[in-house]
Amino acid sequence: MIPESIVLRDEKNLKKQESMVINIVLASKNPVKVQSVFIGFRQMFPDETFNVQGVSVPSGVSDQPFSDAETLQGALNRVENAEKELPRADYWVGIEGGVEEVDGELRAFAWVIVRSETMQGKGCTGTFVLPPRVAELVHSGLELGKADDVVFQRTNSKQESGAVGLLTGDVITRAELYAHAVVLA
């Protein structure tokens, strides 16, 4: 059974009063994305206590976005839908991974939107080129995570280290890649 939401609580500052906890709503239940939001906020605000709650909301774009613009729109749509779903929070975060064809190569990246009641920030991950076999499967209609699973003989890699982790031997994991964009946003 899939939980209604995934919540990651900050264990570092448990003695702080509940009223001092910063509540973050993430527009995804993917544990890798939840972890990346926690890592990014912890890096920016090391003395604060966080509650990161993941909720499942639609992106309003293709299951596999195929351009920078579509990927950014997916992140924006996710953050808007998360705010509608859970309007009582300090921050809402939308993360959308995508690919784009550039100079005959399929490149992967993700956009992150962080919104508060008064501000909104945008950050993009680093971009990396996908291997030809993975690119071929993505072009044939598979989402990147499923294409990775086929090529690398894995199961549900998008909820683990992702394409970037598979390609770098986990020198950079998906959570770490996304955390940088959370900080930038």
N, C-alpha and C. Protein backbone atom coordinates (compact mmCIF):
# COMPACT_ATOMS: atom_id res chain seq x y z
N MET A 1 0.84 -1.19 0.00
CA MET A 1 0.00 0.00 0.00
C MET A 1 0.88 1.25 0.00
N ILE A 2 0.61 2.19 -0.89
CA ILE A 2 1.36 3.43 -0.97
C ILE A 2 0.79 4.41 0.05
N PRO A 3 1.65 5.01 0.88
CA PRO A 3 1.15 5.95 1.88
C PRO A 3 0.58 7.20 1.21
N GLU A 4 -0.30 7.89 1.92
CA GLU A 4 -0.87 9.14 1.41
C GLU A 4 0.23 10.14 1.12
N SER A 5 1.25 10.15 1.94
CA SER A 5 2.37 11.04 1.72
C SER A 5 3.61 10.43 2.34
N ILE A 6 4.75 10.89 1.89
CA ILE A 6 6.01 10.49 2.49
C ILE A 6 6.50 11.68 3.28
N VAL A 7 6.88 11.46 4.51
CA VAL A 7 7.35 12.54 5.36
C VAL A 7 8.75 12.21 5.84
N LEU A 8 9.65 13.16 5.70
CA LEU A 8 11.00 13.03 6.22
C LEU A 8 11.18 14.10 7.28
N ARG A 9 11.40 13.67 8.50
CA ARG A 9 11.55 14.62 9.62
C ARG A 9 13.03 14.78 9.95
N ASP A 10 13.36 15.97 10.38
CA ASP A 10 14.71 16.32 10.76
C ASP A 10 15.00 15.77 12.16
N GLU A 11 15.95 14.85 12.26
CA GLU A 11 16.30 14.26 13.55
C GLU A 11 17.33 15.10 14.31
N LYS A 12 18.02 16.00 13.62
CA LYS A 12 19.11 16.76 14.23
C LYS A 12 18.62 17.69 15.34
N ASN A 13 17.49 18.34 15.13
CA ASN A 13 17.03 19.36 16.05
C ASN A 13 15.69 19.00 16.70
N LEU A 14 15.57 17.78 17.18
CA LEU A 14 14.30 17.32 17.74
C LEU A 14 13.86 18.10 18.98
N LYS A 15 14.79 18.73 19.68
CA LYS A 15 14.44 19.43 20.91
C LYS A 15 13.76 20.78 20.66
N LYS A 16 13.83 21.25 19.42
CA LYS A 16 13.16 22.52 19.11
C LYS A 16 11.65 22.35 19.20
N GLN A 17 10.98 23.43 19.50
CA GLN A 17 9.53 23.39 19.59
C GLN A 17 8.92 23.11 18.23
N GLU A 18 7.80 22.40 18.22
CA GLU A 18 7.10 22.05 16.98
C GLU A 18 6.77 23.29 16.16
N SER A 19 6.49 24.40 16.82
CA SER A 19 6.13 25.62 16.09
C SER A 19 7.31 26.18 15.29
N MET A 20 8.53 25.74 15.57
CA MET A 20 9.70 26.23 14.89
C MET A 20 10.10 25.34 13.70
N VAL A 21 9.34 24.30 13.45
CA VAL A 21 9.63 23.40 12.34
C VAL A 21 9.22 24.06 11.03
N ILE A 22 10.09 24.01 10.05
CA ILE A 22 9.79 24.53 8.72
C ILE A 22 9.14 23.40 7.92
N ASN A 23 7.91 23.63 7.48
CA ASN A 23 7.16 22.62 6.75
C ASN A 23 7.32 22.82 5.25
N ILE A 24 7.76 21.77 4.59
CA ILE A 24 8.01 21.79 3.15
C ILE A 24 7.13 20.74 2.50
N VAL A 25 6.40 21.12 1.48
CA VAL A 25 5.60 20.18 0.71
C VAL A 25 6.29 19.97 -0.63
N LEU A 26 6.61 18.73 -0.92
CA LEU A 26 7.24 18.35 -2.17
C LEU A 26 6.20 17.70 -3.07
N ALA A 27 6.17 18.11 -4.31
CA ALA A 27 5.19 17.60 -5.28
C ALA A 27 5.62 16.25 -5.85
N SER A 28 5.95 15.31 -4.97
CA SER A 28 6.33 13.96 -5.37
C SER A 28 6.42 13.09 -4.14
N LYS A 29 6.15 11.81 -4.31
CA LYS A 29 6.35 10.84 -3.24
C LYS A 29 7.64 10.06 -3.44
N ASN A 30 8.38 10.35 -4.49
CA ASN A 30 9.61 9.62 -4.77
C ASN A 30 10.61 9.88 -3.63
N PRO A 31 11.06 8.82 -2.94
CA PRO A 31 11.96 9.01 -1.81
C PRO A 31 13.27 9.72 -2.17
N VAL A 32 13.74 9.56 -3.39
CA VAL A 32 14.96 10.25 -3.83
C VAL A 32 14.73 11.76 -3.87
N LYS A 33 13.58 12.17 -4.36
CA LYS A 33 13.27 13.60 -4.41
C LYS A 33 13.06 14.17 -3.01
N VAL A 34 12.40 13.40 -2.13
CA VAL A 34 12.22 13.83 -0.75
C VAL A 34 13.59 14.04 -0.11
N GLN A 35 14.49 13.08 -0.29
CA GLN A 35 15.84 13.19 0.27
C GLN A 35 16.58 14.39 -0.30
N SER A 36 16.44 14.64 -1.59
CA SER A 36 17.15 15.76 -2.21
C SER A 36 16.67 17.10 -1.64
N VAL A 37 15.39 17.23 -1.40
CA VAL A 37 14.85 18.46 -0.81
C VAL A 37 15.39 18.64 0.60
N PHE A 38 15.40 17.57 1.36
CA PHE A 38 15.92 17.64 2.73
C PHE A 38 17.40 18.04 2.71
N ILE A 39 18.19 17.42 1.84
CA ILE A 39 19.62 17.74 1.74
C ILE A 39 19.82 19.21 1.36
N GLY A 40 19.10 19.66 0.34
CA GLY A 40 19.26 21.04 -0.12
C GLY A 40 18.89 22.07 0.94
N PHE A 41 17.75 21.86 1.62
CA PHE A 41 17.34 22.80 2.66
C PHE A 41 18.30 22.74 3.85
N ARG A 42 18.78 21.55 4.18
CA ARG A 42 19.73 21.40 5.29
C ARG A 42 21.02 22.16 4.98
N GLN A 43 21.47 22.13 3.72
CA GLN A 43 22.67 22.86 3.33
C GLN A 43 22.47 24.37 3.43
N MET A 44 21.30 24.83 3.06
CA MET A 44 21.02 26.27 3.09
C MET A 44 20.73 26.78 4.50
N PHE A 45 20.08 25.96 5.31
CA PHE A 45 19.64 26.39 6.64
C PHE A 45 20.04 25.33 7.67
N PRO A 46 21.33 25.21 7.98
CA PRO A 46 21.80 24.10 8.82
C PRO A 46 21.28 24.10 10.25
N ASP A 47 20.81 25.20 10.75
CA ASP A 47 20.34 25.26 12.14
C ASP A 47 18.84 25.13 12.27
N GLU A 48 18.15 24.90 11.18
CA GLU A 48 16.70 24.81 11.21
C GLU A 48 16.24 23.34 11.26
N THR A 49 14.98 23.16 11.63
CA THR A 49 14.36 21.84 11.68
C THR A 49 13.32 21.77 10.57
N PHE A 50 13.32 20.65 9.84
CA PHE A 50 12.46 20.52 8.67
C PHE A 50 11.53 19.33 8.77
N ASN A 51 10.38 19.49 8.16
CA ASN A 51 9.44 18.41 7.93
C ASN A 51 9.16 18.44 6.43
N VAL A 52 9.64 17.45 5.69
CA VAL A 52 9.42 17.38 4.24
C VAL A 52 8.33 16.35 3.98
N GLN A 53 7.25 16.80 3.39
CA GLN A 53 6.12 15.92 3.11
C GLN A 53 5.93 15.82 1.60
N GLY A 54 5.98 14.60 1.10
CA GLY A 54 5.76 14.37 -0.32
C GLY A 54 4.31 14.06 -0.61
N VAL A 55 3.77 14.67 -1.66
CA VAL A 55 2.41 14.40 -2.11
C VAL A 55 2.43 14.15 -3.61
N SER A 56 1.54 13.29 -4.05
CA SER A 56 1.46 12.95 -5.47
C SER A 56 0.52 13.92 -6.17
N VAL A 57 1.07 14.69 -7.11
CA VAL A 57 0.28 15.63 -7.89
C VAL A 57 0.70 15.52 -9.36
N PRO A 58 -0.18 15.87 -10.28
CA PRO A 58 0.18 15.79 -11.70
C PRO A 58 1.12 16.90 -12.14
N SER A 59 1.93 16.57 -13.15
CA SER A 59 2.86 17.56 -13.71
C SER A 59 2.22 18.35 -14.84
N GLY A 60 1.18 17.79 -15.46
CA GLY A 60 0.54 18.49 -16.57
C GLY A 60 1.36 18.47 -17.86
N VAL A 61 2.45 17.71 -17.88
CA VAL A 61 3.28 17.58 -19.08
C VAL A 61 3.42 16.09 -19.39
N SER A 62 4.14 15.78 -20.44
CA SER A 62 4.38 14.38 -20.82
C SER A 62 5.04 13.63 -19.67
N ASP A 63 4.81 12.30 -19.63
CA ASP A 63 5.49 11.49 -18.63
C ASP A 63 7.00 11.64 -18.76
N GLN A 64 7.48 11.80 -19.98
CA GLN A 64 8.90 12.07 -20.23
C GLN A 64 9.01 13.37 -21.00
N PRO A 65 9.20 14.48 -20.29
CA PRO A 65 9.36 15.76 -20.98
C PRO A 65 10.56 15.73 -21.93
N PHE A 66 10.38 16.32 -23.13
CA PHE A 66 11.41 16.26 -24.17
C PHE A 66 11.98 17.62 -24.53
N SER A 67 11.93 18.58 -23.62
CA SER A 67 12.57 19.87 -23.88
C SER A 67 12.79 20.57 -22.55
N ASP A 68 13.66 21.55 -22.59
CA ASP A 68 13.91 22.37 -21.41
C ASP A 68 12.63 23.07 -20.98
N ALA A 69 11.91 23.63 -21.95
CA ALA A 69 10.68 24.38 -21.65
C ALA A 69 9.61 23.48 -21.04
N GLU A 70 9.42 22.28 -21.59
CA GLU A 70 8.41 21.36 -21.07
C GLU A 70 8.78 20.88 -19.67
N THR A 71 10.07 20.65 -19.44
CA THR A 71 10.53 20.20 -18.13
C THR A 71 10.31 21.29 -17.09
N LEU A 72 10.67 22.52 -17.41
CA LEU A 72 10.43 23.65 -16.51
C LEU A 72 8.94 23.81 -16.23
N GLN A 73 8.12 23.69 -17.26
CA GLN A 73 6.67 23.81 -17.07
C GLN A 73 6.14 22.72 -16.14
N GLY A 74 6.69 21.51 -16.26
CA GLY A 74 6.29 20.42 -15.37
C GLY A 74 6.61 20.73 -13.92
N ALA A 75 7.78 21.30 -13.66
CA ALA A 75 8.16 21.66 -12.29
C ALA A 75 7.25 22.76 -11.76
N LEU A 76 6.95 23.75 -12.61
CA LEU A 76 6.03 24.83 -12.20
C LEU A 76 4.64 24.29 -11.90
N ASN A 77 4.14 23.42 -12.78
CA ASN A 77 2.82 22.82 -12.56
C ASN A 77 2.78 22.01 -11.27
N ARG A 78 3.84 21.26 -11.03
CA ARG A 78 3.89 20.44 -9.81
C ARG A 78 3.84 21.31 -8.56
N VAL A 79 4.63 22.39 -8.54
CA VAL A 79 4.65 23.23 -7.34
C VAL A 79 3.28 23.90 -7.14
N GLU A 80 2.64 24.33 -8.22
CA GLU A 80 1.30 24.92 -8.10
C GLU A 80 0.29 23.90 -7.59
N ASN A 81 0.34 22.68 -8.11
CA ASN A 81 -0.59 21.64 -7.68
C ASN A 81 -0.34 21.21 -6.24
N ALA A 82 0.93 21.20 -5.83
CA ALA A 82 1.25 20.85 -4.44
C ALA A 82 0.70 21.91 -3.49
N GLU A 83 0.81 23.17 -3.89
CA GLU A 83 0.29 24.25 -3.05
C GLU A 83 -1.24 24.18 -2.95
N LYS A 84 -1.89 23.81 -4.03
CA LYS A 84 -3.36 23.65 -3.99
C LYS A 84 -3.74 22.46 -3.11
N GLU A 85 -2.97 21.39 -3.18
CA GLU A 85 -3.25 20.18 -2.41
C GLU A 85 -3.04 20.40 -0.91
N LEU A 86 -1.93 21.05 -0.56
CA LEU A 86 -1.60 21.32 0.84
C LEU A 86 -1.21 22.80 0.98
N PRO A 87 -2.20 23.68 1.14
CA PRO A 87 -1.91 25.12 1.14
C PRO A 87 -1.24 25.64 2.40
N ARG A 88 -1.17 24.83 3.45
CA ARG A 88 -0.54 25.29 4.70
C ARG A 88 0.87 24.71 4.79
N ALA A 89 1.83 25.49 4.35
CA ALA A 89 3.24 25.09 4.41
C ALA A 89 4.10 26.35 4.36
N ASP A 90 5.36 26.18 4.65
CA ASP A 90 6.30 27.29 4.54
C ASP A 90 6.90 27.36 3.14
N TYR A 91 7.10 26.18 2.53
CA TYR A 91 7.65 26.08 1.18
C TYR A 91 6.95 24.95 0.43
N TRP A 92 6.88 25.14 -0.88
CA TRP A 92 6.41 24.09 -1.79
C TRP A 92 7.51 23.89 -2.83
N VAL A 93 7.76 22.64 -3.19
CA VAL A 93 8.84 22.34 -4.12
C VAL A 93 8.32 21.43 -5.22
N GLY A 94 8.66 21.79 -6.46
CA GLY A 94 8.35 20.96 -7.62
C GLY A 94 9.65 20.57 -8.32
N ILE A 95 9.80 19.30 -8.63
CA ILE A 95 10.98 18.79 -9.33
C ILE A 95 10.50 18.02 -10.54
N GLU A 96 11.07 18.33 -11.69
CA GLU A 96 10.72 17.62 -12.92
C GLU A 96 11.99 17.30 -13.70
N GLY A 97 12.18 16.02 -13.98
CA GLY A 97 13.30 15.58 -14.80
C GLY A 97 12.90 15.56 -16.26
N GLY A 98 13.84 15.86 -17.13
CA GLY A 98 13.54 15.87 -18.55
C GLY A 98 14.77 15.55 -19.38
N VAL A 99 14.53 15.50 -20.68
CA VAL A 99 15.61 15.27 -21.65
C VAL A 99 15.42 16.25 -22.79
N GLU A 100 16.52 16.51 -23.51
CA GLU A 100 16.44 17.37 -24.67
C GLU A 100 17.51 16.93 -25.67
N GLU A 101 17.14 16.92 -26.93
CA GLU A 101 18.07 16.58 -28.01
C GLU A 101 18.88 17.83 -28.36
N VAL A 102 20.21 17.72 -28.27
CA VAL A 102 21.10 18.81 -28.61
C VAL A 102 22.26 18.23 -29.41
N ASP A 103 22.44 18.74 -30.61
CA ASP A 103 23.56 18.29 -31.47
C ASP A 103 23.62 16.78 -31.62
N GLY A 104 22.47 16.15 -31.77
CA GLY A 104 22.41 14.71 -31.99
C GLY A 104 22.60 13.86 -30.75
N GLU A 105 22.64 14.50 -29.57
CA GLU A 105 22.79 13.77 -28.32
C GLU A 105 21.57 14.05 -27.44
N LEU A 106 21.16 13.04 -26.69
CA LEU A 106 20.05 13.21 -25.76
C LEU A 106 20.64 13.53 -24.39
N ARG A 107 20.29 14.70 -23.89
CA ARG A 107 20.83 15.18 -22.61
C ARG A 107 19.75 15.14 -21.54
N ALA A 108 20.15 14.77 -20.33
CA ALA A 108 19.21 14.66 -19.20
C ALA A 108 19.53 15.74 -18.17
N PHE A 109 18.47 16.20 -17.48
CA PHE A 109 18.58 17.27 -16.48
C PHE A 109 17.27 17.33 -15.72
N ALA A 110 17.19 18.22 -14.74
CA ALA A 110 15.93 18.43 -14.02
C ALA A 110 15.83 19.90 -13.61
N TRP A 111 14.60 20.38 -13.54
CA TRP A 111 14.30 21.71 -13.02
C TRP A 111 13.69 21.57 -11.63
N VAL A 112 14.03 22.51 -10.76
CA VAL A 112 13.47 22.57 -9.41
C VAL A 112 12.89 23.96 -9.19
N ILE A 113 11.68 24.00 -8.67
CA ILE A 113 11.03 25.25 -8.28
C ILE A 113 10.81 25.20 -6.77
N VAL A 114 11.24 26.24 -6.07
CA VAL A 114 10.98 26.38 -4.64
C VAL A 114 10.15 27.64 -4.46
N ARG A 115 9.00 27.49 -3.83
CA ARG A 115 8.08 28.62 -3.63
C ARG A 115 7.75 28.78 -2.16
N SER A 116 7.70 30.03 -1.72
CA SER A 116 7.17 30.36 -0.39
C SER A 116 5.96 31.26 -0.64
N GLU A 117 5.39 31.78 0.42
CA GLU A 117 4.23 32.68 0.24
C GLU A 117 4.62 33.96 -0.46
N THR A 118 5.90 34.36 -0.39
CA THR A 118 6.31 35.66 -0.93
C THR A 118 7.32 35.59 -2.07
N MET A 119 7.95 34.42 -2.29
CA MET A 119 9.00 34.33 -3.30
C MET A 119 8.94 33.01 -4.05
N GLN A 120 9.62 32.99 -5.18
CA GLN A 120 9.77 31.76 -5.94
C GLN A 120 11.16 31.74 -6.55
N GLY A 121 11.83 30.60 -6.45
CA GLY A 121 13.15 30.44 -7.05
C GLY A 121 13.16 29.27 -8.01
N LYS A 122 14.07 29.32 -8.97
CA LYS A 122 14.23 28.25 -9.96
C LYS A 122 15.68 27.83 -10.01
N GLY A 123 15.91 26.53 -10.11
CA GLY A 123 17.27 26.01 -10.25
C GLY A 123 17.25 24.81 -11.17
N CYS A 124 18.31 24.65 -11.92
CA CYS A 124 18.42 23.51 -12.84
C CYS A 124 19.65 22.69 -12.46
N THR A 125 19.53 21.39 -12.60
CA THR A 125 20.66 20.51 -12.33
C THR A 125 21.70 20.64 -13.43
N GLY A 126 22.83 20.01 -13.22
CA GLY A 126 23.78 19.82 -14.29
C GLY A 126 23.16 18.93 -15.36
N THR A 127 23.71 19.00 -16.55
CA THR A 127 23.21 18.23 -17.68
C THR A 127 24.25 17.19 -18.06
N PHE A 128 23.78 16.00 -18.44
CA PHE A 128 24.70 14.96 -18.87
C PHE A 128 24.11 14.23 -20.07
N VAL A 129 25.00 13.70 -20.91
CA VAL A 129 24.60 13.02 -22.14
C VAL A 129 24.30 11.56 -21.83
N LEU A 130 23.18 11.09 -22.34
CA LEU A 130 22.79 9.69 -22.15
C LEU A 130 23.47 8.79 -23.17
N PRO A 131 23.78 7.56 -22.78
CA PRO A 131 24.37 6.61 -23.73
C PRO A 131 23.40 6.36 -24.90
N PRO A 132 23.94 6.03 -26.07
CA PRO A 132 23.09 5.84 -27.26
C PRO A 132 21.95 4.83 -27.06
N ARG A 133 22.19 3.71 -26.39
CA ARG A 133 21.12 2.70 -26.21
C ARG A 133 20.01 3.26 -25.32
N VAL A 134 20.36 3.98 -24.27
CA VAL A 134 19.35 4.59 -23.41
C VAL A 134 18.57 5.63 -24.21
N ALA A 135 19.27 6.46 -24.95
CA ALA A 135 18.62 7.49 -25.77
C ALA A 135 17.67 6.87 -26.78
N GLU A 136 18.08 5.77 -27.39
CA GLU A 136 17.23 5.07 -28.37
C GLU A 136 15.93 4.61 -27.72
N LEU A 137 16.02 4.04 -26.53
CA LEU A 137 14.82 3.57 -25.83
C LEU A 137 13.92 4.73 -25.41
N VAL A 138 14.51 5.83 -24.98
CA VAL A 138 13.72 7.01 -24.62
C VAL A 138 13.01 7.55 -25.85
N HIS A 139 13.73 7.62 -26.97
CA HIS A 139 13.10 8.07 -28.22
C HIS A 139 11.97 7.14 -28.66
N SER A 140 12.07 5.86 -28.30
CA SER A 140 11.02 4.91 -28.69
C SER A 140 9.79 4.99 -27.79
N GLY A 141 9.86 5.81 -26.72
CA GLY A 141 8.68 6.03 -25.89
C GLY A 141 8.83 5.64 -24.43
N LEU A 142 9.95 5.05 -24.03
CA LEU A 142 10.14 4.72 -22.62
C LEU A 142 10.57 5.95 -21.83
N GLU A 143 10.12 6.04 -20.59
CA GLU A 143 10.64 7.08 -19.70
C GLU A 143 12.10 6.74 -19.41
N LEU A 144 12.88 7.76 -19.06
CA LEU A 144 14.30 7.56 -18.81
C LEU A 144 14.56 6.49 -17.76
N GLY A 145 13.83 6.51 -16.66
CA GLY A 145 14.03 5.51 -15.60
C GLY A 145 13.81 4.09 -16.09
N LYS A 146 12.79 3.88 -16.91
CA LYS A 146 12.51 2.55 -17.45
C LYS A 146 13.57 2.14 -18.46
N ALA A 147 14.04 3.10 -19.27
CA ALA A 147 15.11 2.81 -20.22
C ALA A 147 16.39 2.42 -19.47
N ASP A 148 16.70 3.13 -18.40
CA ASP A 148 17.86 2.78 -17.57
C ASP A 148 17.72 1.36 -17.03
N ASP A 149 16.52 1.02 -16.55
CA ASP A 149 16.30 -0.32 -16.01
C ASP A 149 16.57 -1.39 -17.05
N VAL A 150 16.16 -1.15 -18.29
CA VAL A 150 16.38 -2.12 -19.37
C VAL A 150 17.88 -2.24 -19.67
N VAL A 151 18.53 -1.13 -19.90
CA VAL A 151 19.94 -1.14 -20.30
C VAL A 151 20.85 -1.63 -19.19
N PHE A 152 20.60 -1.19 -17.95
CA PHE A 152 21.48 -1.53 -16.84
C PHE A 152 20.98 -2.73 -16.03
N GLN A 153 19.89 -3.34 -16.50
CA GLN A 153 19.30 -4.52 -15.85
C GLN A 153 19.03 -4.26 -14.37
N ARG A 154 18.28 -3.21 -14.12
CA ARG A 154 17.90 -2.80 -12.77
C ARG A 154 16.38 -2.79 -12.66
N THR A 155 15.91 -2.54 -11.47
CA THR A 155 14.48 -2.38 -11.23
C THR A 155 14.26 -1.09 -10.45
N ASN A 156 13.41 -0.23 -10.97
CA ASN A 156 13.01 1.01 -10.30
C ASN A 156 14.20 1.91 -9.95
N SER A 157 15.14 2.04 -10.87
CA SER A 157 16.34 2.84 -10.62
C SER A 157 16.03 4.32 -10.38
N LYS A 158 14.88 4.79 -10.87
CA LYS A 158 14.56 6.21 -10.68
C LYS A 158 14.23 6.53 -9.22
N GLN A 159 13.97 5.52 -8.42
CA GLN A 159 13.76 5.74 -6.99
C GLN A 159 15.01 5.35 -6.20
N GLU A 160 16.11 5.21 -6.93
CA GLU A 160 17.40 4.95 -6.28
C GLU A 160 18.38 6.01 -6.78
N SER A 161 19.49 5.61 -7.36
CA SER A 161 20.51 6.59 -7.75
C SER A 161 20.26 7.21 -9.12
N GLY A 162 19.30 6.70 -9.88
CA GLY A 162 18.93 7.28 -11.16
C GLY A 162 19.99 7.10 -12.23
N ALA A 163 19.72 7.69 -13.40
CA ALA A 163 20.65 7.58 -14.53
C ALA A 163 22.02 8.13 -14.17
N VAL A 164 22.05 9.26 -13.48
CA VAL A 164 23.33 9.87 -13.14
C VAL A 164 24.15 8.96 -12.22
N GLY A 165 23.50 8.29 -11.29
CA GLY A 165 24.20 7.36 -10.41
C GLY A 165 24.70 6.13 -11.16
N LEU A 166 23.87 5.62 -12.04
CA LEU A 166 24.28 4.46 -12.84
C LEU A 166 25.48 4.81 -13.72
N LEU A 167 25.46 5.99 -14.31
CA LEU A 167 26.53 6.38 -15.23
C LEU A 167 27.81 6.82 -14.53
N THR A 168 27.71 7.26 -13.27
CA THR A 168 28.91 7.72 -12.56
C THR A 168 29.37 6.73 -11.48
N GLY A 169 28.74 5.57 -11.41
CA GLY A 169 29.08 4.63 -10.34
C GLY A 169 28.76 5.21 -8.97
N ASP A 170 27.68 5.98 -8.90
CA ASP A 170 27.21 6.64 -7.67
C ASP A 170 28.17 7.68 -7.11
N VAL A 171 29.10 8.15 -7.93
CA VAL A 171 29.92 9.29 -7.52
C VAL A 171 28.99 10.50 -7.35
N ILE A 172 27.99 10.60 -8.23
CA ILE A 172 26.90 11.57 -8.09
C ILE A 172 25.61 10.78 -8.16
N THR A 173 24.80 10.85 -7.12
CA THR A 173 23.51 10.18 -7.13
C THR A 173 22.43 11.16 -7.59
N ARG A 174 21.28 10.62 -7.90
CA ARG A 174 20.16 11.47 -8.30
C ARG A 174 19.79 12.44 -7.18
N ALA A 175 19.80 11.98 -5.94
CA ALA A 175 19.47 12.86 -4.81
C ALA A 175 20.47 14.00 -4.71
N GLU A 176 21.76 13.71 -4.89
CA GLU A 176 22.77 14.76 -4.83
C GLU A 176 22.64 15.74 -5.99
N LEU A 177 22.38 15.21 -7.18
CA LEU A 177 22.21 16.07 -8.35
C LEU A 177 21.05 17.04 -8.13
N TYR A 178 19.91 16.52 -7.65
CA TYR A 178 18.75 17.36 -7.43
C TYR A 178 18.97 18.32 -6.27
N ALA A 179 19.71 17.91 -5.22
CA ALA A 179 19.93 18.77 -4.07
C ALA A 179 20.63 20.06 -4.47
N HIS A 180 21.56 19.99 -5.43
CA HIS A 180 22.24 21.20 -5.90
C HIS A 180 21.23 22.18 -6.51
N ALA A 181 20.29 21.65 -7.28
CA ALA A 181 19.29 22.51 -7.89
C ALA A 181 18.33 23.08 -6.85
N VAL A 182 18.05 22.31 -5.79
CA VAL A 182 17.23 22.83 -4.68
C VAL A 182 17.94 24.03 -4.07
N VAL A 183 19.23 23.91 -3.83
CA VAL A 183 20.01 25.03 -3.27
C VAL A 183 19.96 26.24 -4.22
N LEU A 184 20.14 26.01 -5.51
CA LEU A 184 20.10 27.09 -6.48
C LEU A 184 18.74 27.78 -6.52
N ALA A 185 17.69 26.99 -6.38
CA ALA A 185 16.33 27.55 -6.40
C ALA A 185 16.08 28.35 -5.12
